[in-house]
Protein backbone atom coordinates (compact mmCIF):
# COMPACT_ATOMS: atom_id res chain seq x y z
CA GLU A 1 52.22 55.66 121.95
CA MET A 2 54.86 57.25 119.66
CA ALA A 3 56.78 59.88 121.08
CA LYS A 4 56.57 63.14 119.41
CA ARG A 5 59.77 64.43 117.92
CA THR A 6 61.09 67.68 118.84
CA PRO A 7 61.94 70.38 116.38
CA ILE A 8 65.58 70.06 117.09
CA GLU A 9 65.50 66.25 116.25
CA THR A 10 63.55 66.91 112.93
CA LYS A 11 65.99 69.64 111.97
CA LYS A 12 68.86 67.24 112.79
CA GLN A 13 67.31 64.43 110.47
CA ARG A 14 66.90 67.07 107.69
CA THR A 15 70.22 68.19 107.93
CA THR A 16 71.86 64.89 107.84
CA ALA A 17 69.61 64.05 104.73
CA THR A 18 70.41 67.43 103.00
CA TRP A 19 74.19 66.81 104.00
CA ILE A 20 74.01 63.17 102.38
CA LYS A 21 72.13 64.41 99.39
CA GLU A 22 74.58 67.08 98.78
CA ILE A 23 77.77 64.78 99.06
CA VAL A 24 76.22 62.39 96.68
CA ILE A 25 75.48 65.41 94.02
CA VAL A 26 79.08 66.72 94.37
CA PHE A 27 80.42 63.14 93.84
CA VAL A 28 78.33 62.59 90.87
CA CYS A 29 79.42 65.89 89.22
CA ALA A 30 82.99 65.43 90.00
CA LEU A 31 82.83 62.07 88.41
CA ALA A 32 80.92 63.39 85.32
CA ILE A 33 83.67 66.24 85.00
CA ALA A 34 86.55 63.67 85.32
CA VAL A 35 85.16 61.59 82.52
CA VAL A 36 84.57 64.24 80.33
CA ILE A 37 88.05 65.56 80.84
CA LYS A 38 89.60 62.16 80.44
CA SER A 39 87.55 61.34 77.32
CA PHE A 40 87.89 64.81 75.44
CA LEU A 41 90.78 66.83 76.93
CA ILE A 42 93.51 65.14 78.95
CA ASP A 43 94.52 61.51 79.56
CA SER A 44 97.41 59.97 81.20
CA ARG A 45 99.85 57.13 80.09
CA VAL A 46 102.62 54.97 81.87
CA VAL A 47 105.60 54.52 79.81
CA PRO A 48 106.58 50.65 79.55
CA SER A 49 109.71 50.94 77.58
CA SER A 50 112.96 52.73 77.19
CA SER A 51 112.24 53.64 73.39
CA MET A 52 112.06 57.22 74.45
CA TYR A 53 115.06 57.59 76.74
CA PRO A 54 116.40 60.02 77.78
CA THR A 55 113.39 62.29 77.27
CA ILE A 56 110.95 59.72 78.94
CA GLU A 57 112.19 56.82 80.99
CA VAL A 58 110.67 53.50 81.88
CA GLY A 59 107.56 54.00 84.47
CA ASP A 60 107.19 57.76 83.74
CA ARG A 61 103.61 58.95 83.92
CA VAL A 62 102.69 61.56 81.30
CA LEU A 63 99.57 63.54 80.38
CA MET A 64 98.41 63.55 76.90
CA TRP A 65 96.49 66.67 75.40
CA ARG A 66 93.69 65.14 73.11
CA LEU A 67 92.97 68.43 71.55
CA ALA A 68 96.61 69.30 70.31
CA TYR A 69 95.61 68.60 66.82
CA ALA A 70 92.08 70.02 66.75
CA PHE A 71 90.72 73.16 65.29
CA GLY A 72 93.26 73.10 62.50
CA ASN A 73 96.42 72.52 64.53
CA GLU A 74 98.76 70.26 62.87
CA PRO A 75 101.39 67.78 64.22
CA GLU A 76 105.00 69.41 64.05
CA ARG A 77 108.34 67.70 63.97
CA GLY A 78 109.62 67.02 67.27
CA ASP A 79 106.23 66.50 68.86
CA ILE A 80 105.91 63.57 71.10
CA VAL A 81 102.75 61.92 70.37
CA VAL A 82 100.47 59.00 71.81
CA PHE A 83 99.14 56.76 69.07
CA GLU A 84 97.51 53.52 68.19
CA ALA A 85 99.97 50.77 67.48
CA PRO A 86 100.07 49.56 64.00
CA ASP A 87 98.15 46.39 63.36
CA GLU A 88 101.06 44.22 62.73
CA LEU A 89 102.30 44.60 66.19
CA ASN A 90 99.37 43.02 67.63
CA GLU A 91 99.62 45.42 70.50
CA SER A 92 96.53 46.64 72.44
CA SER A 93 98.58 49.46 74.03
CA ASP A 94 99.12 52.89 72.70
CA LEU A 95 102.72 53.67 71.64
CA ILE A 96 104.66 57.22 72.23
CA LYS A 97 107.24 58.23 69.87
CA ARG A 98 108.60 61.44 68.26
CA ILE A 99 107.42 62.87 65.09
CA ILE A 100 110.22 62.89 62.70
CA GLY A 101 108.83 63.04 59.09
CA LEU A 102 105.86 65.09 57.99
CA PRO A 103 103.65 64.64 55.03
CA GLY A 104 105.39 64.77 51.85
CA GLU A 105 108.75 64.68 53.13
CA THR A 106 111.45 62.32 52.32
CA VAL A 107 113.05 60.49 55.26
CA GLU A 108 116.33 58.70 55.29
CA VAL A 109 118.58 57.34 58.15
CA ARG A 110 122.24 56.89 57.09
CA GLY A 111 125.53 57.04 58.65
CA GLY A 112 123.84 57.23 62.11
CA ALA A 113 121.78 60.29 61.22
CA VAL A 114 118.40 61.23 59.86
CA TYR A 115 118.04 63.33 56.72
CA ILE A 116 114.83 65.10 55.81
CA ASP A 117 114.53 65.86 52.07
CA GLY A 118 118.23 65.36 51.90
CA GLU A 119 119.06 67.73 54.82
CA LEU A 120 120.81 66.58 57.95
CA LEU A 121 118.04 66.87 60.92
CA ASP A 122 119.39 68.41 64.05
CA GLU A 123 118.52 66.24 66.95
CA ASP A 124 120.73 67.59 69.67
CA GLY A 125 119.22 67.56 73.08
CA TYR A 126 116.96 64.50 72.65
CA GLN A 127 118.58 61.69 70.96
CA HIS A 128 120.17 59.05 72.98
CA ALA A 129 122.46 57.49 70.67
CA ILE A 130 123.21 57.52 66.77
CA ALA A 131 121.22 55.00 64.88
CA GLU A 132 123.05 51.86 64.20
CA TYR A 133 120.87 51.04 61.15
CA GLU A 134 120.36 52.40 57.56
CA TYR A 135 116.65 53.07 56.52
CA GLY A 136 115.04 54.70 53.31
CA PRO A 137 114.69 56.80 51.66
CA VAL A 138 110.89 56.86 52.07
CA THR A 139 108.36 59.57 51.24
CA VAL A 140 105.82 60.24 53.75
CA PRO A 141 102.11 60.02 52.34
CA ASP A 142 99.71 62.76 52.95
CA ASP A 143 98.07 62.77 56.48
CA CYS A 144 100.79 60.60 57.65
CA TYR A 145 103.76 60.82 59.87
CA PHE A 146 107.09 58.91 60.27
CA MET A 147 108.00 58.24 63.98
CA LEU A 148 111.06 57.31 65.70
CA GLY A 149 112.03 56.85 69.49
CA ASP A 150 114.73 58.96 70.90
CA ASN A 151 116.57 55.71 71.93
CA ARG A 152 117.13 54.91 68.35
CA ASN A 153 118.38 51.49 68.78
CA ARG A 154 116.10 50.16 71.36
CA SER A 155 112.84 51.47 69.71
CA VAL A 156 110.15 49.51 67.64
CA ASP A 157 109.16 52.21 65.45
CA SER A 158 108.60 53.53 61.84
CA HIS A 159 112.06 52.00 60.74
CA GLU A 160 110.93 48.58 61.48
CA TRP A 161 107.17 48.44 60.65
CA ASP A 162 106.04 46.93 57.43
CA ASP A 163 103.89 50.15 56.93
CA PRO A 164 106.21 52.76 58.39
CA PHE A 165 103.60 55.48 58.60
CA ILE A 166 101.17 56.47 61.21
CA HIS A 167 97.98 58.39 59.91
CA ILE A 168 96.75 61.40 61.66
CA ASP A 169 93.41 59.58 62.58
CA ASP A 170 95.63 57.08 64.75
CA ILE A 171 97.23 59.98 66.68
CA LYS A 172 95.42 60.24 70.12
CA GLY A 173 97.18 63.30 71.38
CA LYS A 174 100.57 65.01 72.42
CA ALA A 175 102.52 64.21 75.38
CA ILE A 176 102.84 67.57 77.17
CA PHE A 177 103.64 67.04 80.88
CA ARG A 178 105.41 64.40 83.10
CA TYR A 179 103.73 64.15 86.37
CA TRP A 180 105.66 61.13 87.84
CA PRO A 181 108.04 60.80 89.18
CA ILE A 182 108.00 64.00 91.12
CA SER A 183 111.86 64.65 90.99
CA ARG A 184 111.49 65.02 87.09
CA MET A 185 108.03 66.50 86.95
CA GLY A 186 107.81 69.12 84.16
CA GLY A 187 106.77 70.00 80.62
CA ILE A 188 107.77 67.52 77.68
């Protein structure tokens, strides 16, 4: 004959089953929240090249704010953005560059400096070296942007692409925070 379970044994079984159920529910909820955050709010990228040196270095891990340009917010000159690589590069990875030219502006690189509508662009504080090339002038179309890396002579960017402009729809977000390496953690 089966032994009858004592009330304490039954309570322990219920407690264990309840505990397991609660852990599963918490795990599923946390996973759902993480998916929503990664898909719609914040995503991360590992920087594979030195094109943004010294602002961002090879191997840096950065967070990208996906909603930076939602709700009527427009990209601004100087923003560091993550965007889909132009088709001509046959690159599946996203790129990260600095917005230099805005819609309707004329961009030119001459004498190692960038000019916007004929005016010298002040780039103190982020440009690694002066450009060793001449480019333009070109006028940025509506809803498009002209991108350059901070490490001008080691960046595959707008000055090298057949179509030098990135459409607003190809921008995935704004780089806002470096979380690795810890020694350089902080806003971008």
